[in-house]
PDB file of N, CA and C in Angstrom:
ATOM      1  N   MET A   1     -95.134  78.165 -67.691  1.00  0.00           N
ATOM      2  CA  MET A   1     -94.243  78.864 -67.884  1.00  0.00           C
ATOM      3  C   MET A   1     -93.050  77.944 -67.119  1.00  0.00           C
ATOM      4  N   LYS A   2     -91.631  77.622 -68.238  1.00  0.00           N
ATOM      5  CA  LYS A   2     -90.907  76.547 -67.534  1.00  0.00           C
ATOM      6  C   LYS A   2     -89.435  77.409 -66.526  1.00  0.00           C
ATOM      7  N   THR A   3     -89.242  76.986 -65.810  1.00  0.00           N
ATOM      8  CA  THR A   3     -87.705  77.785 -64.894  1.00  0.00           C
ATOM      9  C   THR A   3     -86.970  77.008 -64.731  1.00  0.00           C
ATOM     10  N   LYS A   4     -85.119  77.336 -65.230  1.00  0.00           N
ATOM     11  CA  LYS A   4     -84.192  76.199 -64.821  1.00  0.00           C
ATOM     12  C   LYS A   4     -83.681  76.259 -63.417  1.00  0.00           C
ATOM     13  N   MET A   5     -84.004  75.195 -63.015  1.00  0.00           N
ATOM     14  CA  MET A   5     -83.016  75.745 -61.501  1.00  0.00           C
ATOM     15  C   MET A   5     -81.181  75.510 -61.422  1.00  0.00           C
ATOM     16  N   ILE A   6     -81.282  76.043 -61.061  1.00  0.00           N
ATOM     17  CA  ILE A   6     -79.202  76.342 -60.728  1.00  0.00           C
ATOM     18  C   ILE A   6     -78.701  75.675 -59.255  1.00  0.00           C
ATOM     19  N   ARG A   7     -78.252  74.729 -59.793  1.00  0.00           N
ATOM     20  CA  ARG A   7     -77.404  74.574 -58.011  1.00  0.00           C
ATOM     21  C   ARG A   7     -75.662  74.761 -58.125  1.00  0.00           C
ATOM     22  N   LYS A   8     -75.181  75.310 -56.757  1.00  0.00           N
ATOM     23  CA  LYS A   8     -74.329  75.946 -56.864  1.00  0.00           C
ATOM     24  C   LYS A   8     -73.484  74.964 -55.888  1.00  0.00           C
ATOM     25  N   GLU A   9     -72.807  74.577 -55.958  1.00  0.00           N
ATOM     26  CA  GLU A   9     -72.457  74.030 -54.438  1.00  0.00           C
ATOM     27  C   GLU A   9     -71.010  74.964 -54.359  1.00  0.00           C
ATOM     28  N   ILE A  10     -70.173  75.183 -53.248  1.00  0.00           N
ATOM     29  CA  ILE A  10     -69.233  76.165 -52.948  1.00  0.00           C
ATOM     30  C   ILE A  10     -68.347  74.654 -52.050  1.00  0.00           C
ATOM     31  N   ASP A  11     -67.225  74.896 -52.653  1.00  0.00           N
ATOM     32  CA  ASP A  11     -66.328  74.298 -51.618  1.00  0.00           C
ATOM     33  C   ASP A  11     -65.476  75.211 -50.652  1.00  0.00           C
ATOM     34  N   LEU A  12     -66.215  74.528 -49.375  1.00  0.00           N
ATOM     35  CA  LEU A  12     -65.746  76.127 -48.285  1.00  0.00           C
ATOM     36  C   LEU A  12     -64.306  75.900 -48.001  1.00  0.00           C
ATOM     37  N   GLN A  13     -63.488  74.432 -48.614  1.00  0.00           N
ATOM     38  CA  GLN A  13     -61.890  74.334 -48.797  1.00  0.00           C
ATOM     39  C   GLN A  13     -61.184  74.770 -49.027  1.00  0.00           C
ATOM     40  N   ASN A  14     -61.658  75.471 -50.103  1.00  0.00           N
ATOM     41  CA  ASN A  14     -61.259  75.944 -51.931  1.00  0.00           C
ATOM     42  C   ASN A  14     -62.136  77.315 -52.307  1.00  0.00           C
ATOM     43  N   LEU A  15     -62.136  78.604 -51.458  1.00  0.00           N
ATOM     44  CA  LEU A  15     -62.768  79.368 -51.670  1.00  0.00           C
ATOM     45  C   LEU A  15     -61.783  80.057 -52.462  1.00  0.00           C
ATOM     46  N   PRO A  16     -62.758  81.312 -53.587  1.00  0.00           N
ATOM     47  CA  PRO A  16     -61.667  81.782 -54.188  1.00  0.00           C
ATOM     48  C   PRO A  16     -61.536  83.483 -53.324  1.00  0.00           C
ATOM     49  N   PRO A  17     -59.999  83.664 -53.898  1.00  0.00           N
ATOM     50  CA  PRO A  17     -59.103  84.277 -53.097  1.00  0.00           C
ATOM     51  C   PRO A  17     -60.149  86.082 -52.896  1.00  0.00           C
ATOM     52  N   LEU A  18     -59.142  86.691 -51.811  1.00  0.00           N
ATOM     53  CA  LEU A  18     -60.474  87.837 -51.682  1.00  0.00           C
ATOM     54  C   LEU A  18     -60.263  89.154 -52.810  1.00  0.00           C
ATOM     55  N   THR A  19     -60.628  89.718 -53.538  1.00  0.00           N
ATOM     56  CA  THR A  19     -60.428  91.391 -53.531  1.00  0.00           C
ATOM     57  C   THR A  19     -59.611  92.393 -52.439  1.00  0.00           C
ATOM     58  N   ASP A  20     -58.886  93.080 -53.296  1.00  0.00           N
ATOM     59  CA  ASP A  20     -57.926  94.266 -51.984  1.00  0.00           C
ATOM     60  C   ASP A  20     -59.413  94.575 -51.326  1.00  0.00           C
ATOM     61  N   GLU A  21     -60.544  94.735 -52.130  1.00  0.00           N
ATOM     62  CA  GLU A  21     -61.540  95.884 -51.806  1.00  0.00           C
ATOM     63  C   GLU A  21     -62.302  95.334 -50.830  1.00  0.00           C
ATOM     64  N   GLN A  22     -62.651  93.590 -50.731  1.00  0.00           N
ATOM     65  CA  GLN A  22     -62.441  92.934 -49.767  1.00  0.00           C
ATOM     66  C   GLN A  22     -62.360  92.566 -48.718  1.00  0.00           C
ATOM     67  N   ARG A  23     -60.649  92.963 -48.994  1.00  0.00           N
ATOM     68  CA  ARG A  23     -59.784  92.292 -47.863  1.00  0.00           C
ATOM     69  C   ARG A  23     -60.232  94.046 -47.244  1.00  0.00           C
ATOM     70  N   VAL A  24     -60.063  95.179 -47.386  1.00  0.00           N
ATOM     71  CA  VAL A  24     -59.799  96.279 -46.678  1.00  0.00           C
ATOM     72  C   VAL A  24     -61.267  96.825 -46.482  1.00  0.00           C
ATOM     73  N   ARG A  25     -62.463  95.942 -46.623  1.00  0.00           N
ATOM     74  CA  ARG A  25     -63.683  96.488 -46.102  1.00  0.00           C
ATOM     75  C   ARG A  25     -63.959  95.229 -44.693  1.00  0.00           C
ATOM     76  N   LEU A  26     -63.552  94.272 -44.950  1.00  0.00           N
ATOM     77  CA  LEU A  26     -63.301  92.784 -43.498  1.00  0.00           C
ATOM     78  C   LEU A  26     -62.443  93.511 -42.965  1.00  0.00           C
ATOM     79  N   SER A  27     -61.727  94.482 -43.231  1.00  0.00           N
ATOM     80  CA  SER A  27     -60.595  94.934 -41.843  1.00  0.00           C
ATOM     81  C   SER A  27     -61.038  95.602 -41.333  1.00  0.00           C
ATOM     82  N   ALA A  28     -61.311  96.559 -41.567  1.00  0.00           N
ATOM     83  CA  ALA A  28     -62.404  97.878 -41.412  1.00  0.00           C
ATOM     84  C   ALA A  28     -63.595  97.276 -40.571  1.00  0.00           C
ATOM     85  N   LEU A  29     -64.645  96.584 -41.255  1.00  0.00           N
ATOM     86  CA  LEU A  29     -65.344  95.481 -39.992  1.00  0.00           C
ATOM     87  C   LEU A  29     -64.802  95.398 -38.569  1.00  0.00           C
ATOM     88  N   ALA A  30     -63.933  94.407 -38.982  1.00  0.00           N
ATOM     89  CA  ALA A  30     -63.100  93.098 -37.848  1.00  0.00           C
ATOM     90  C   ALA A  30     -62.619  94.500 -36.819  1.00  0.00           C
ATOM     91  N   ASN A  31     -62.041  95.647 -36.776  1.00  0.00           N
ATOM     92  CA  ASN A  31     -61.957  96.311 -36.477  1.00  0.00           C
ATOM     93  C   ASN A  31     -62.334  97.245 -35.466  1.00  0.00           C
ATOM     94  N   MET A  32     -63.757  97.446 -36.116  1.00  0.00           N
ATOM     95  CA  MET A  32     -65.123  97.967 -35.577  1.00  0.00           C
ATOM     96  C   MET A  32     -65.674  98.129 -34.074  1.00  0.00           C
ATOM     97  N   PRO A  33     -65.494  98.994 -33.495  1.00  0.00           N
ATOM     98  CA  PRO A  33     -65.388  98.138 -32.185  1.00  0.00           C
ATOM     99  C   PRO A  33     -67.189  97.982 -32.215  1.00  0.00           C
ATOM    100  N   ASP A  34     -67.730  96.802 -31.174  1.00  0.00           N
ATOM    101  CA  ASP A  34     -69.455  97.234 -30.900  1.00  0.00           C
ATOM    102  C   ASP A  34     -70.034  97.906 -31.062  1.00  0.00           C
ATOM    103  N   SER A  35     -69.675  99.294 -30.250  1.00  0.00           N
ATOM    104  CA  SER A  35     -70.400 100.455 -29.709  1.00  0.00           C
ATOM    105  C   SER A  35     -70.198 101.219 -30.778  1.00  0.00           C
ATOM    106  N   GLU A  36     -69.765 101.316 -31.984  1.00  0.00           N
ATOM    107  CA  GLU A  36     -70.132 101.582 -33.269  1.00  0.00           C
ATOM    108  C   GLU A  36     -70.820 101.517 -34.316  1.00  0.00           C
ATOM    109  N   ILE A  37     -71.042 100.458 -33.879  1.00  0.00           N
ATOM    110  CA  ILE A  37     -72.807  99.818 -35.076  1.00  0.00           C
ATOM    111  C   ILE A  37     -73.672 100.172 -34.586  1.00  0.00           C
ATOM    112  N   ASP A  38     -74.349 101.113 -35.947  1.00  0.00           N
ATOM    113  CA  ASP A  38     -75.791 102.229 -36.018  1.00  0.00           C
ATOM    114  C   ASP A  38     -77.386 100.585 -35.430  1.00  0.00           C
ATOM    115  N   TYR A  39     -77.577 100.602 -34.488  1.00  0.00           N
ATOM    116  CA  TYR A  39     -78.696  99.915 -34.463  1.00  0.00           C
ATOM    117  C   TYR A  39     -79.995 100.661 -35.081  1.00  0.00           C
ATOM    118  N   SER A  40     -79.942 101.759 -34.820  1.00  0.00           N
ATOM    119  CA  SER A  40     -81.427 102.551 -34.661  1.00  0.00           C
ATOM    120  C   SER A  40     -82.277 102.413 -35.670  1.00  0.00           C
ATOM    121  N   ASP A  41     -81.823 101.626 -36.400  1.00  0.00           N
ATOM    122  CA  ASP A  41     -83.093 100.977 -37.816  1.00  0.00           C
ATOM    123  C   ASP A  41     -83.701  99.892 -37.210  1.00  0.00           C
ATOM    124  N   ILE A  42     -83.102  99.243 -36.217  1.00  0.00           N
ATOM    125  CA  ILE A  42     -83.727  97.652 -36.165  1.00  0.00           C
ATOM    126  C   ILE A  42     -84.299  97.912 -34.765  1.00  0.00           C
ATOM    127  N   ALA A  43     -85.181  97.081 -34.526  1.00  0.00           N
ATOM    128  CA  ALA A  43     -86.364  97.437 -33.594  1.00  0.00           C
ATOM    129  C   ALA A  43     -85.718  96.308 -32.270  1.00  0.00           C
ATOM    130  N   PRO A  44     -85.618  96.901 -31.235  1.00  0.00           N
ATOM    131  CA  PRO A  44     -85.402  95.659 -30.177  1.00  0.00           C
ATOM    132  C   PRO A  44     -86.068  94.075 -30.270  1.00  0.00           C
ATOM    133  N   LEU A  45     -85.214  93.266 -29.897  1.00  0.00           N
ATOM    134  CA  LEU A  45     -86.602  91.915 -29.932  1.00  0.00           C
ATOM    135  C   LEU A  45     -86.177  91.949 -28.260  1.00  0.00           C
ATOM    136  N   GLY A  46     -86.953  91.898 -28.246  1.00  0.00           N
ATOM    137  CA  GLY A  46     -87.332  90.956 -26.475  1.00  0.00           C
ATOM    138  C   GLY A  46     -87.512  89.907 -26.496  1.00  0.00           C
ATOM    139  N   ASP A  47     -88.094  89.064 -24.992  1.00  0.00           N
ATOM    140  CA  ASP A  47     -88.664  87.714 -24.938  1.00  0.00           C
ATOM    141  C   ASP A  47     -89.789  87.657 -25.840  1.00  0.00           C
ATOM    142  N   ASP A  48     -90.374  88.653 -25.762  1.00  0.00           N
ATOM    143  CA  ASP A  48     -92.061  88.337 -26.497  1.00  0.00           C
ATOM    144  C   ASP A  48     -92.229  88.229 -27.430  1.00  0.00           C
ATOM    145  N   PHE A  49     -91.177  88.850 -28.450  1.00  0.00           N
ATOM    146  CA  PHE A  49     -90.814  88.170 -29.583  1.00  0.00           C
ATOM    147  C   PHE A  49     -89.994  86.809 -29.773  1.00  0.00           C
ATOM    148  N   TRP A  50     -89.225  86.359 -29.145  1.00  0.00           N
ATOM    149  CA  TRP A  50     -89.074  85.047 -29.051  1.00  0.00           C
ATOM    150  C   TRP A  50     -89.848  84.090 -28.626  1.00  0.00           C
ATOM    151  N   LYS A  51     -90.706  84.551 -27.735  1.00  0.00           N
ATOM    152  CA  LYS A  51     -91.445  83.071 -27.579  1.00  0.00           C
ATOM    153  C   LYS A  51     -92.415  82.860 -28.656  1.00  0.00           C
ATOM    154  N   ASN A  52     -92.587  83.478 -29.390  1.00  0.00           N
ATOM    155  CA  ASN A  52     -93.934  83.156 -30.484  1.00  0.00           C
ATOM    156  C   ASN A  52     -92.998  82.740 -32.051  1.00  0.00           C
ATOM    157  N   ALA A  53     -91.529  82.794 -31.799  1.00  0.00           N
ATOM    158  CA  ALA A  53     -90.367  82.306 -32.851  1.00  0.00           C
ATOM    159  C   ALA A  53     -90.491  81.024 -32.939  1.00  0.00           C
ATOM    160  N   VAL A  54     -90.621  80.271 -34.774  1.00  0.00           N
ATOM    161  CA  VAL A  54     -90.551  78.781 -34.946  1.00  0.00           C
ATOM    162  C   VAL A  54     -89.218  79.239 -35.789  1.00  0.00           C
ATOM    163  N   ARG A  55     -88.879  78.127 -36.263  1.00  0.00           N
ATOM    164  CA  ARG A  55     -88.006  77.467 -36.925  1.00  0.00           C
ATOM    165  C   ARG A  55     -88.286  78.358 -38.457  1.00  0.00           C
ATOM    166  N   ASN A  56     -87.893  78.657 -39.589  1.00  0.00           N
ATOM    167  CA  ASN A  56     -87.768  78.530 -40.887  1.00  0.00           C
ATOM    168  C   ASN A  56     -88.503  77.838 -41.472  1.00  0.00           C
ATOM    169  N   PRO A  57     -89.929  77.696 -41.766  1.00  0.00           N
ATOM    170  CA  PRO A  57     -91.087  76.913 -42.421  1.00  0.00           C
ATOM    171  C   PRO A  57     -90.119  76.549 -43.642  1.00  0.00           C
ATOM    172  N   PHE A  58     -90.007  77.290 -44.468  1.00  0.00           N
ATOM    173  CA  PHE A  58     -89.349  76.884 -46.144  1.00  0.00           C
ATOM    174  C   PHE A  58     -87.923  75.955 -46.168  1.00  0.00           C
ATOM    175  N   TYR A  59     -86.700  75.872 -44.523  1.00  0.00           N
ATOM    176  CA  TYR A  59     -85.564  75.691 -44.784  1.00  0.00           C
ATOM    177  C   TYR A  59     -86.094  74.133 -44.850  1.00  0.00           C
ATOM    178  N   LYS A  60     -84.935  73.407 -45.638  1.00  0.00           N
ATOM    179  CA  LYS A  60     -84.654  72.200 -45.405  1.00  0.00           C
ATOM    180  C   LYS A  60     -83.002  71.874 -45.938  1.00  0.00           C
ATOM    181  N   PRO A  61     -82.658  71.435 -44.935  1.00  0.00           N
ATOM    182  CA  PRO A  61     -81.093  71.166 -45.518  1.00  0.00           C
ATOM    183  C   PRO A  61     -80.995  69.962 -46.664  1.00  0.00           C
ATOM    184  N   VAL A  62     -80.064  70.416 -47.431  1.00  0.00           N
ATOM    185  CA  VAL A  62     -79.921  69.367 -47.893  1.00  0.00           C
ATOM    186  C   VAL A  62     -79.368  67.933 -47.644  1.00  0.00           C
ATOM    187  N   LYS A  63     -80.228  66.799 -47.973  1.00  0.00           N
ATOM    188  CA  LYS A  63     -79.990  65.957 -47.426  1.00  0.00           C
ATOM    189  C   LYS A  63     -78.552  64.795 -48.515  1.00  0.00           C
ATOM    190  N   GLN A  64     -77.646  64.145 -47.366  1.00  0.00           N
ATOM    191  CA  GLN A  64     -76.893  63.157 -48.276  1.00  0.00           C
ATOM    192  C   GLN A  64     -76.616  62.067 -47.904  1.00  0.00           C
ATOM    193  N   VAL A  65     -77.093  61.423 -49.393  1.00  0.00           N
ATOM    194  CA  VAL A  65     -76.937  59.612 -48.900  1.00  0.00           C
ATOM    195  C   VAL A  65     -75.112  59.341 -48.745  1.00  0.00           C
ATOM    196  N   THR A  66     -75.355  58.121 -47.421  1.00  0.00           N
ATOM    197  CA  THR A  66     -74.175  57.791 -46.465  1.00  0.00           C
ATOM    198  C   THR A  66     -74.347  56.352 -46.714  1.00  0.00           C
ATOM    199  N   THR A  67     -73.126  55.782 -45.902  1.00  0.00           N
ATOM    200  CA  THR A  67     -73.250  54.695 -45.393  1.00  0.00           C
ATOM    201  C   THR A  67     -72.520  54.582 -44.225  1.00  0.00           C
ATOM    202  N   VAL A  68     -73.637  54.446 -43.028  1.00  0.00           N
ATOM    203  CA  VAL A  68     -72.681  54.160 -41.802  1.00  0.00           C
ATOM    204  C   VAL A  68     -73.185  52.924 -41.150  1.00  0.00           C
ATOM    205  N   ARG A  69     -71.217  52.581 -40.352  1.00  0.00           N
ATOM    206  CA  ARG A  69     -71.776  51.468 -39.945  1.00  0.00           C
ATOM    207  C   ARG A  69     -71.901  51.173 -38.246  1.00  0.00           C
ATOM    208  N   VAL A  70     -72.900  50.829 -37.682  1.00  0.00           N
ATOM    209  CA  VAL A  70     -73.969  50.886 -35.998  1.00  0.00           C
ATOM    210  C   VAL A  70     -73.507  49.795 -35.898  1.00  0.00           C
ATOM    211  N   ASP A  71     -73.658  49.512 -34.456  1.00  0.00           N
ATOM    212  CA  ASP A  71     -73.513  47.696 -33.523  1.00  0.00           C
ATOM    213  C   ASP A  71     -75.275  47.834 -34.107  1.00  0.00           C
ATOM    214  N   SER A  72     -75.524  46.374 -33.852  1.00  0.00           N
ATOM    215  CA  SER A  72     -76.473  46.167 -34.172  1.00  0.00           C
ATOM    216  C   SER A  72     -77.855  46.245 -33.182  1.00  0.00           C
ATOM    217  N   ASP A  73     -77.082  46.333 -31.354  1.00  0.00           N
ATOM    218  CA  ASP A  73     -78.201  46.329 -30.588  1.00  0.00           C
ATOM    219  C   ASP A  73     -78.363  48.256 -30.746  1.00  0.00           C
ATOM    220  N   VAL A  74     -77.819  48.932 -31.507  1.00  0.00           N
ATOM    221  CA  VAL A  74     -78.479  50.780 -31.623  1.00  0.00           C
ATOM    222  C   VAL A  74     -78.856  50.428 -32.569  1.00  0.00           C
ATOM    223  N   LEU A  75     -78.738  50.040 -33.522  1.00  0.00           N
ATOM    224  CA  LEU A  75     -79.804  49.676 -34.840  1.00  0.00           C
ATOM    225  C   LEU A  75     -80.900  49.162 -34.163  1.00  0.00           C
ATOM    226  N   LEU A  76     -81.500  47.736 -33.671  1.00  0.00           N
ATOM    227  CA  LEU A  76     -82.289  47.540 -33.343  1.00  0.00           C
ATOM    228  C   LEU A  76     -83.265  48.486 -32.079  1.00  0.00           C
ATOM    229  N   TRP A  77     -82.636  49.279 -31.058  1.00  0.00           N
ATOM    230  CA  TRP A  77     -82.882  50.007 -30.634  1.00  0.00           C
ATOM    231  C   TRP A  77     -83.505  51.235 -31.371  1.00  0.00           C
ATOM    232  N   LEU A  78     -82.866  51.839 -32.226  1.00  0.00           N
ATOM    233  CA  LEU A  78     -83.742  53.261 -33.042  1.00  0.00           C
ATOM    234  C   LEU A  78     -84.837  52.262 -33.605  1.00  0.00           C
ATOM    235  N   LYS A  79     -84.292  50.977 -34.845  1.00  0.00           N
ATOM    236  CA  LYS A  79     -85.905  51.090 -34.742  1.00  0.00           C
ATOM    237  C   LYS A  79     -86.739  49.969 -33.997  1.00  0.00           C
ATOM    238  N   SER A  80     -86.682  50.337 -32.874  1.00  0.00           N
ATOM    239  CA  SER A  80     -87.485  49.669 -31.784  1.00  0.00           C
ATOM    240  C   SER A  80     -88.776  50.578 -31.449  1.00  0.00           C
ATOM    241  N   ARG A  81     -88.287  51.857 -31.826  1.00  0.00           N
ATOM    242  CA  ARG A  81     -88.866  52.940 -31.587  1.00  0.00           C
ATOM    243  C   ARG A  81     -90.258  53.885 -32.906  1.00  0.00           C
ATOM    244  N   GLY A  82     -89.819  52.858 -33.183  1.00  0.00           N
ATOM    245  CA  GLY A  82     -91.178  53.212 -34.111  1.00  0.00           C
ATOM    246  C   GLY A  82     -90.599  53.737 -36.100  1.00  0.00           C
ATOM    247  N   LYS A  83     -91.613  53.492 -36.939  1.00  0.00           N
ATOM    248  CA  LYS A  83     -91.220  54.183 -38.349  1.00  0.00           C
ATOM    249  C   LYS A  83     -89.824  55.311 -37.783  1.00  0.00           C
ATOM    250  N   GLY A  84     -88.860  56.098 -38.519  1.00  0.00           N
ATOM    251  CA  GLY A  84     -88.199  57.213 -38.762  1.00  0.00           C
ATOM    252  C   GLY A  84     -87.367  56.993 -37.981  1.00  0.00           C
ATOM    253  N   TYR A  85     -86.407  55.942 -37.969  1.00  0.00           N
ATOM    254  CA  TYR A  85     -85.127  55.531 -37.263  1.00  0.00           C
ATOM    255  C   TYR A  85     -83.738  56.243 -38.217  1.00  0.00           C
ATOM    256  N   GLN A  86     -83.821  56.672 -39.206  1.00  0.00           N
ATOM    257  CA  GLN A  86     -83.017  57.093 -39.816  1.00  0.00           C
ATOM    258  C   GLN A  86     -82.779  58.655 -39.453  1.00  0.00           C
ATOM    259  N   THR A  87     -84.726  59.385 -39.102  1.00  0.00           N
ATOM    260  CA  THR A  87     -84.784  60.824 -38.640  1.00  0.00           C
ATOM    261  C   THR A  87     -83.971  60.569 -37.700  1.00  0.00           C
ATOM    262  N   ARG A  88     -84.382  59.611 -36.739  1.00  0.00           N
ATOM    263  CA  ARG A  88     -83.863  59.517 -35.566  1.00  0.00           C
ATOM    264  C   ARG A  88     -82.446  59.942 -35.232  1.00  0.00           C
ATOM    265  N   ILE A  89     -81.514  59.048 -35.884  1.00  0.00           N
ATOM    266  CA  ILE A  89     -80.598  58.928 -35.947  1.00  0.00           C
ATOM    267  C   ILE A  89     -79.636  60.896 -36.571  1.00  0.00           C
ATOM    268  N   ASN A  90     -80.724  60.959 -37.291  1.00  0.00           N
ATOM    269  CA  ASN A  90     -79.757  62.157 -37.857  1.00  0.00           C
ATOM    270  C   ASN A  90     -80.440  63.403 -36.705  1.00  0.00           C
ATOM    271  N   ALA A  91     -81.392  63.574 -36.043  1.00  0.00           N
ATOM    272  CA  ALA A  91     -81.370  64.156 -34.465  1.00  0.00           C
ATOM    273  C   ALA A  91     -80.627  64.199 -33.826  1.00  0.00           C
ATOM    274  N   ILE A  92     -80.345  62.990 -33.596  1.00  0.00           N
ATOM    275  CA  ILE A  92     -79.144  62.321 -32.373  1.00  0.00           C
ATOM    276  C   ILE A  92     -77.869  63.220 -32.608  1.00  0.00           C
ATOM    277  N   LEU A  93     -77.119  62.964 -34.004  1.00  0.00           N
ATOM    278  CA  LEU A  93     -76.570  63.596 -35.102  1.00  0.00           C
ATOM    279  C   LEU A  93     -76.381  64.998 -34.206  1.00  0.00           C
ATOM    280  N   ARG A  94     -77.695  64.936 -34.942  1.00  0.00           N
ATOM    281  CA  ARG A  94     -77.614  67.170 -34.687  1.00  0.00           C
ATOM    282  C   ARG A  94     -77.448  67.652 -33.710  1.00  0.00           C
ATOM    283  N   ASP A  95     -78.396  67.315 -32.592  1.00  0.00           N
ATOM    284  CA  ASP A  95     -77.913  67.186 -31.028  1.00  0.00           C
ATOM    285  C   ASP A  95     -76.572  67.813 -30.810  1.00  0.00           C
ATOM    286  N   ALA A  96     -76.212  66.219 -31.254  1.00  0.00           N
ATOM    287  CA  ALA A  96     -74.348  66.320 -30.662  1.00  0.00           C
ATOM    288  C   ALA A  96     -73.203  67.161 -31.449  1.00  0.00           C
ATOM    289  N   MET A  97     -73.909  67.280 -32.892  1.00  0.00           N
ATOM    290  CA  MET A  97     -73.338  68.410 -33.539  1.00  0.00           C
ATOM    291  C   MET A  97     -73.418  69.846 -32.906  1.00  0.00           C
ATOM    292  N   LEU A  98     -74.783  70.268 -32.329  1.00  0.00           N
ATOM    293  CA  LEU A  98     -74.580  71.623 -31.841  1.00  0.00           C
ATOM    294  C   LEU A  98     -74.222  71.442 -30.668  1.00  0.00           C
ATOM    295  N   ASN A  99     -74.377  70.920 -29.669  1.00  0.00           N
ATOM    296  CA  ASN A  99     -73.556  70.360 -28.376  1.00  0.00           C
ATOM    297  C   ASN A  99     -71.842  70.616 -28.292  1.00  0.00           C
ATOM    298  N   SER A 100     -71.635  70.185 -29.187  1.00  0.00           N
ATOM    299  CA  SER A 100     -69.975  70.162 -29.522  1.00  0.00           C
ATOM    300  C   SER A 100     -69.795  72.019 -30.018  1.00  0.00           C
ATOM    301  N   ILE A 101     -71.035  72.448 -31.189  1.00  0.00           N
ATOM    302  CA  ILE A 101     -70.334  73.667 -31.268  1.00  0.00           C
ATOM    303  C   ILE A 101     -70.382  75.326 -29.988  1.00  0.00           C
ATOM    304  N   GLU A 102     -71.372  74.508 -29.343  1.00  0.00           N
ATOM    305  CA  GLU A 102     -71.779  75.413 -27.994  1.00  0.00           C
ATOM    306  C   GLU A 102     -70.793  74.766 -27.177  1.00  0.00           C
ATOM    307  N   HIS A 103     -69.957  73.838 -26.860  1.00  0.00           N
ATOM    308  CA  HIS A 103     -68.719  73.845 -25.731  1.00  0.00           C
ATOM    309  C   HIS A 103     -67.998  74.423 -26.849  1.00  0.00           C
ATOM    310  N   HIS A 104     -67.470  74.422 -28.327  1.00  0.00           N
ATOM    311  CA  HIS A 104     -66.538  74.951 -28.400  1.00  0.00           C
ATOM    312  C   HIS A 104     -66.099  76.850 -28.401  1.00  0.00           C
ATOM    313  N   ASN A 105     -67.858  77.164 -28.817  1.00  0.00           N
ATOM    314  CA  ASN A 105     -67.451  78.482 -28.312  1.00  0.00           C
ATOM    315  C   ASN A 105     -67.190  79.041 -26.808  1.00  0.00           C
ATOM    316  N   GLY A 106     -67.459  77.659 -25.799  1.00  0.00           N
ATOM    317  CA  GLY A 106     -67.473  78.106 -24.672  1.00  0.00           C
ATOM    318  C   GLY A 106     -68.860  78.972 -23.940  1.00  0.00           C
ATOM    319  N   ARG A 107     -69.595  77.905 -24.724  1.00  0.00           N
ATOM    320  CA  ARG A 107     -70.979  78.159 -23.770  1.00  0.00           C
ATOM    321  C   ARG A 107     -71.771  76.875 -23.738  1.00  0.00           C
ATOM    322  N   SER A 108     -72.427  76.477 -22.746  1.00  0.00           N
ATOM    323  CA  SER A 108     -73.021  75.599 -22.199  1.00  0.00           C
ATOM    324  C   SER A 108     -74.656  75.520 -22.379  1.00  0.00           C
ATOM    325  N   LYS A 109     -74.736  74.388 -22.474  1.00  0.00           N
ATOM    326  CA  LYS A 109     -76.867  75.056 -23.188  1.00  0.00           C
ATOM    327  C   LYS A 109     -77.069  75.209 -22.053  1.00  0.00           C
ATOM    328  N   VAL A 110     -77.154  75.507 -20.781  1.00  0.00           N
ATOM    329  CA  VAL A 110     -77.562  75.888 -19.754  1.00  0.00           C
ATOM    330  C   VAL A 110     -77.504  77.002 -19.880  1.00  0.00           C
ATOM    331  N   GLU A 111     -76.291  77.418 -20.363  1.00  0.00           N
ATOM    332  CA  GLU A 111     -75.381  79.124 -21.050  1.00  0.00           C
ATOM    333  C   GLU A 111     -77.059  79.286 -20.963  1.00  0.00           C
ATOM    334  N   SER A 112     -76.667  79.298 -22.648  1.00  0.00           N
ATOM    335  CA  SER A 112     -77.259  79.763 -23.739  1.00  0.00           C
ATOM    336  C   SER A 112     -78.541  80.006 -23.332  1.00  0.00           C
ATOM    337  N   SER A 113     -79.030  79.222 -22.952  1.00  0.00           N
ATOM    338  CA  SER A 113     -81.002  79.273 -22.838  1.00  0.00           C
ATOM    339  C   SER A 113     -81.332  80.188 -21.935  1.00  0.00           C
ATOM    340  N   SER A 114     -80.036  80.604 -21.067  1.00  0.00           N
ATOM    341  CA  SER A 114     -81.362  81.981 -20.278  1.00  0.00           C
ATOM    342  C   SER A 114     -80.837  83.557 -20.489  1.00  0.00           C
TER     343      SER A 114
END
């Protein structure tokens, strides 16, 4: 059986306008205090749960082809560590991105891991 995959990209800078109903619902949610949220149908997740947690094995970010100019000594260092220098570049950039997001949200890496 053949299936047709449809890929839809969303331009986050040019989203469709919200309907009036969506605005009302979002406003009601935004104004709701946390104390009014009903968590009764959600089991509490303690430290034991998170000890065995793993990243979704099916999640794979979409890769973009790009050209980046880096200093030759940096590239030599990355390549000297063995195969997979592009993966290492991505890991370094992802770590920097996550640190920046945490810093922007007012939490340091040390605070968020405790």
